[in-house]
Amino acid sequence: MEYLLVIKEYFLYLKEVKIFYSILWIILKSLKLSLQKRWIINLLKVIIIEII
């Protein structure tokens, strides 16, 4: 029974990571299109600092 819980936790973790990376990918994609690169880079720095 215990291992089922672990598997569930693992899948939830994977889901969160997937969401995080898709958001990051969208930001990077818009970075390429955007003229306000400096603003987005600063935003990314703030986000990364918040996570760490």
PDB file of N, CA and C in Angstrom:
ATOM      1  N   MET A   1       0.835  -1.205   0.000  1.00  0.00           N
ATOM      2  CA  MET A   1       0.000   0.000   0.000  1.00  0.00           C
ATOM      3  C   MET A   1       0.875   1.262   0.000  1.00  0.00           C
ATOM      4  N   GLU A   2       1.939   1.177   0.729  1.00  0.00           N
ATOM      5  CA  GLU A   2       2.870   2.293   0.895  1.00  0.00           C
ATOM      6  C   GLU A   2       3.450   2.756  -0.451  1.00  0.00           C
ATOM      7  N   TYR A   3       3.850   1.811  -1.281  1.00  0.00           N
ATOM      8  CA  TYR A   3       4.464   2.140  -2.568  1.00  0.00           C
ATOM      9  C   TYR A   3       3.499   2.836  -3.534  1.00  0.00           C
ATOM     10  N   LEU A   4       2.216   2.562  -3.402  1.00  0.00           N
ATOM     11  CA  LEU A   4       1.220   3.239  -4.233  1.00  0.00           C
ATOM     12  C   LEU A   4       1.209   4.738  -3.953  1.00  0.00           C
ATOM     13  N   LEU A   5       1.353   5.073  -2.709  1.00  0.00           N
ATOM     14  CA  LEU A   5       1.410   6.466  -2.289  1.00  0.00           C
ATOM     15  C   LEU A   5       2.648   7.146  -2.870  1.00  0.00           C
ATOM     16  N   VAL A   6       3.755   6.435  -2.831  1.00  0.00           N
ATOM     17  CA  VAL A   6       5.019   6.939  -3.382  1.00  0.00           C
ATOM     18  C   VAL A   6       4.877   7.191  -4.881  1.00  0.00           C
ATOM     19  N   ILE A   7       4.270   6.251  -5.582  1.00  0.00           N
ATOM     20  CA  ILE A   7       4.042   6.384  -7.019  1.00  0.00           C
ATOM     21  C   ILE A   7       3.151   7.591  -7.308  1.00  0.00           C
ATOM     22  N   LYS A   8       2.110   7.746  -6.519  1.00  0.00           N
ATOM     23  CA  LYS A   8       1.202   8.879  -6.667  1.00  0.00           C
ATOM     24  C   LYS A   8       1.946  10.206  -6.484  1.00  0.00           C
ATOM     25  N   GLU A   9       2.761  10.272  -5.439  1.00  0.00           N
ATOM     26  CA  GLU A   9       3.576  11.460  -5.165  1.00  0.00           C
ATOM     27  C   GLU A   9       4.507  11.759  -6.330  1.00  0.00           C
ATOM     28  N   TYR A  10       5.116  10.710  -6.850  1.00  0.00           N
ATOM     29  CA  TYR A  10       6.052  10.834  -7.956  1.00  0.00           C
ATOM     30  C   TYR A  10       5.365  11.399  -9.195  1.00  0.00           C
ATOM     31  N   PHE A  11       4.177  10.916  -9.497  1.00  0.00           N
ATOM     32  CA  PHE A  11       3.436  11.409 -10.647  1.00  0.00           C
ATOM     33  C   PHE A  11       2.992  12.855 -10.471  1.00  0.00           C
ATOM     34  N   LEU A  12       2.620  13.218  -9.262  1.00  0.00           N
ATOM     35  CA  LEU A  12       2.273  14.603  -8.967  1.00  0.00           C
ATOM     36  C   LEU A  12       3.480  15.504  -9.173  1.00  0.00           C
ATOM     37  N   TYR A  13       4.633  15.025  -8.723  1.00  0.00           N
ATOM     38  CA  TYR A  13       5.887  15.747  -8.890  1.00  0.00           C
ATOM     39  C   TYR A  13       6.208  15.929 -10.373  1.00  0.00           C
ATOM     40  N   LEU A  14       6.073  14.862 -11.136  1.00  0.00           N
ATOM     41  CA  LEU A  14       6.325  14.914 -12.575  1.00  0.00           C
ATOM     42  C   LEU A  14       5.415  15.916 -13.262  1.00  0.00           C
ATOM     43  N   LYS A  15       4.165  15.919 -12.855  1.00  0.00           N
ATOM     44  CA  LYS A  15       3.176  16.828 -13.410  1.00  0.00           C
ATOM     45  C   LYS A  15       3.572  18.282 -13.157  1.00  0.00           C
ATOM     46  N   GLU A  16       3.993  18.567 -11.929  1.00  0.00           N
ATOM     47  CA  GLU A  16       4.438  19.913 -11.573  1.00  0.00           C
ATOM     48  C   GLU A  16       5.651  20.333 -12.381  1.00  0.00           C
ATOM     49  N   VAL A  17       6.601  19.432 -12.520  1.00  0.00           N
ATOM     50  CA  VAL A  17       7.817  19.702 -13.287  1.00  0.00           C
ATOM     51  C   VAL A  17       7.461  19.984 -14.744  1.00  0.00           C
ATOM     52  N   LYS A  18       6.558  19.185 -15.278  1.00  0.00           N
ATOM     53  CA  LYS A  18       6.106  19.338 -16.654  1.00  0.00           C
ATOM     54  C   LYS A  18       5.460  20.711 -16.861  1.00  0.00           C
ATOM     55  N   ILE A  19       4.605  21.108 -15.929  1.00  0.00           N
ATOM     56  CA  ILE A  19       3.948  22.415 -15.981  1.00  0.00           C
ATOM     57  C   ILE A  19       4.993  23.523 -15.918  1.00  0.00           C
ATOM     58  N   PHE A  20       5.943  23.375 -14.987  1.00  0.00           N
ATOM     59  CA  PHE A  20       7.005  24.360 -14.824  1.00  0.00           C
ATOM     60  C   PHE A  20       7.805  24.531 -16.115  1.00  0.00           C
ATOM     61  N   TYR A  21       8.191  23.399 -16.726  1.00  0.00           N
ATOM     62  CA  TYR A  21       8.980  23.470 -17.946  1.00  0.00           C
ATOM     63  C   TYR A  21       8.193  23.998 -19.130  1.00  0.00           C
ATOM     64  N   SER A  22       6.912  23.716 -19.202  1.00  0.00           N
ATOM     65  CA  SER A  22       6.108  24.275 -20.290  1.00  0.00           C
ATOM     66  C   SER A  22       5.958  25.780 -20.137  1.00  0.00           C
ATOM     67  N   ILE A  23       5.828  26.250 -18.897  1.00  0.00           N
ATOM     68  CA  ILE A  23       5.775  27.690 -18.645  1.00  0.00           C
ATOM     69  C   ILE A  23       7.103  28.330 -19.038  1.00  0.00           C
ATOM     70  N   LEU A  24       8.192  27.694 -18.632  1.00  0.00           N
ATOM     71  CA  LEU A  24       9.530  28.178 -18.958  1.00  0.00           C
ATOM     72  C   LEU A  24       9.719  28.234 -20.476  1.00  0.00           C
ATOM     73  N   TRP A  25       9.262  27.197 -21.175  1.00  0.00           N
ATOM     74  CA  TRP A  25       9.368  27.117 -22.625  1.00  0.00           C
ATOM     75  C   TRP A  25       8.585  28.244 -23.293  1.00  0.00           C
ATOM     76  N   ILE A  26       7.383  28.511 -22.798  1.00  0.00           N
ATOM     77  CA  ILE A  26       6.550  29.599 -23.318  1.00  0.00           C
ATOM     78  C   ILE A  26       7.242  30.945 -23.118  1.00  0.00           C
ATOM     79  N   ILE A  27       7.829  31.128 -21.929  1.00  0.00           N
ATOM     80  CA  ILE A  27       8.553  32.369 -21.642  1.00  0.00           C
ATOM     81  C   ILE A  27       9.739  32.527 -22.593  1.00  0.00           C
ATOM     82  N   LEU A  28      10.484  31.452 -22.788  1.00  0.00           N
ATOM     83  CA  LEU A  28      11.641  31.509 -23.682  1.00  0.00           C
ATOM     84  C   LEU A  28      11.224  31.749 -25.129  1.00  0.00           C
ATOM     85  N   LYS A  29      10.113  31.171 -25.511  1.00  0.00           N
ATOM     86  CA  LYS A  29       9.581  31.360 -26.857  1.00  0.00           C
ATOM     87  C   LYS A  29       9.183  32.817 -27.080  1.00  0.00           C
ATOM     88  N   SER A  30       8.518  33.392 -26.096  1.00  0.00           N
ATOM     89  CA  SER A  30       8.122  34.796 -26.193  1.00  0.00           C
ATOM     90  C   SER A  30       9.338  35.718 -26.108  1.00  0.00           C
ATOM     91  N   LEU A  31      10.374  35.236 -25.436  1.00  0.00           N
ATOM     92  CA  LEU A  31      11.628  35.982 -25.341  1.00  0.00           C
ATOM     93  C   LEU A  31      12.222  36.195 -26.731  1.00  0.00           C
ATOM     94  N   LYS A  32      12.171  35.178 -27.538  1.00  0.00           N
ATOM     95  CA  LYS A  32      12.686  35.261 -28.903  1.00  0.00           C
ATOM     96  C   LYS A  32      11.886  36.254 -29.735  1.00  0.00           C
ATOM     97  N   LEU A  33      10.605  36.278 -29.521  1.00  0.00           N
ATOM     98  CA  LEU A  33       9.724  37.148 -30.292  1.00  0.00           C
ATOM     99  C   LEU A  33       9.715  38.578 -29.767  1.00  0.00           C
ATOM    100  N   SER A  34      10.003  38.684 -28.492  1.00  0.00           N
ATOM    101  CA  SER A  34       9.882  39.976 -27.826  1.00  0.00           C
ATOM    102  C   SER A  34      11.056  40.907 -28.081  1.00  0.00           C
ATOM    103  N   LEU A  35      10.734  42.201 -28.050  1.00  0.00           N
ATOM    104  CA  LEU A  35      11.761  43.230 -28.154  1.00  0.00           C
ATOM    105  C   LEU A  35      12.226  43.648 -26.766  1.00  0.00           C
ATOM    106  N   GLN A  36      11.435  43.256 -25.770  1.00  0.00           N
ATOM    107  CA  GLN A  36      11.732  43.616 -24.381  1.00  0.00           C
ATOM    108  C   GLN A  36      12.490  42.483 -23.694  1.00  0.00           C
ATOM    109  N   LYS A  37      13.555  42.042 -24.325  1.00  0.00           N
ATOM    110  CA  LYS A  37      14.309  40.903 -23.803  1.00  0.00           C
ATOM    111  C   LYS A  37      14.843  41.164 -22.403  1.00  0.00           C
ATOM    112  N   ARG A  38      15.353  42.333 -22.181  1.00  0.00           N
ATOM    113  CA  ARG A  38      15.927  42.679 -20.883  1.00  0.00           C
ATOM    114  C   ARG A  38      14.891  42.531 -19.765  1.00  0.00           C
ATOM    115  N   TRP A  39      13.679  42.993 -20.017  1.00  0.00           N
ATOM    116  CA  TRP A  39      12.597  42.914 -19.034  1.00  0.00           C
ATOM    117  C   TRP A  39      12.281  41.463 -18.686  1.00  0.00           C
ATOM    118  N   ILE A  40      12.193  40.620 -19.698  1.00  0.00           N
ATOM    119  CA  ILE A  40      11.867  39.209 -19.481  1.00  0.00           C
ATOM    120  C   ILE A  40      13.000  38.489 -18.756  1.00  0.00           C
ATOM    121  N   ILE A  41      14.241  38.815 -19.106  1.00  0.00           N
ATOM    122  CA  ILE A  41      15.394  38.213 -18.423  1.00  0.00           C
ATOM    123  C   ILE A  41      15.378  38.580 -16.942  1.00  0.00           C
ATOM    124  N   ASN A  42      15.078  39.827 -16.645  1.00  0.00           N
ATOM    125  CA  ASN A  42      14.984  40.261 -15.247  1.00  0.00           C
ATOM    126  C   ASN A  42      13.867  39.529 -14.517  1.00  0.00           C
ATOM    127  N   LEU A  43      12.756  39.340 -15.192  1.00  0.00           N
ATOM    128  CA  LEU A  43      11.632  38.603 -14.628  1.00  0.00           C
ATOM    129  C   LEU A  43      12.041  37.157 -14.324  1.00  0.00           C
ATOM    130  N   LEU A  44      12.744  36.537 -15.266  1.00  0.00           N
ATOM    131  CA  LEU A  44      13.239  35.171 -15.078  1.00  0.00           C
ATOM    132  C   LEU A  44      14.184  35.082 -13.890  1.00  0.00           C
ATOM    133  N   LYS A  45      15.062  36.049 -13.770  1.00  0.00           N
ATOM    134  CA  LYS A  45      15.994  36.082 -12.634  1.00  0.00           C
ATOM    135  C   LYS A  45      15.231  36.128 -11.321  1.00  0.00           C
ATOM    136  N   VAL A  46      14.229  36.960 -11.263  1.00  0.00           N
ATOM    137  CA  VAL A  46      13.401  37.090 -10.062  1.00  0.00           C
ATOM    138  C   VAL A  46      12.703  35.761  -9.757  1.00  0.00           C
ATOM    139  N   ILE A  47      12.141  35.135 -10.772  1.00  0.00           N
ATOM    140  CA  ILE A  47      11.456  33.848 -10.611  1.00  0.00           C
ATOM    141  C   ILE A  47      12.431  32.783 -10.101  1.00  0.00           C
ATOM    142  N   ILE A  48      13.603  32.717 -10.702  1.00  0.00           N
ATOM    143  CA  ILE A  48      14.611  31.730 -10.300  1.00  0.00           C
ATOM    144  C   ILE A  48      15.055  31.968  -8.862  1.00  0.00           C
ATOM    145  N   ILE A  49      15.272  33.217  -8.496  1.00  0.00           N
ATOM    146  CA  ILE A  49      15.657  33.565  -7.127  1.00  0.00           C
ATOM    147  C   ILE A  49      14.556  33.164  -6.144  1.00  0.00           C
ATOM    148  N   GLU A  50      13.311  33.399  -6.513  1.00  0.00           N
ATOM    149  CA  GLU A  50      12.176  33.029  -5.661  1.00  0.00           C
ATOM    150  C   GLU A  50      12.126  31.520  -5.421  1.00  0.00           C
ATOM    151  N   ILE A  51      12.419  30.742  -6.447  1.00  0.00           N
ATOM    152  CA  ILE A  51      12.391  29.282  -6.345  1.00  0.00           C
ATOM    153  C   ILE A  51      13.527  28.797  -5.440  1.00  0.00           C
ATOM    154  N   ILE A  52      14.705  29.357  -5.611  1.00  0.00           N
ATOM    155  CA  ILE A  52      15.882  28.975  -4.814  1.00  0.00           C
ATOM    156  C   ILE A  52      15.824  29.738  -3.504  1.00  0.00           C
TER     157      ILE A  52
END
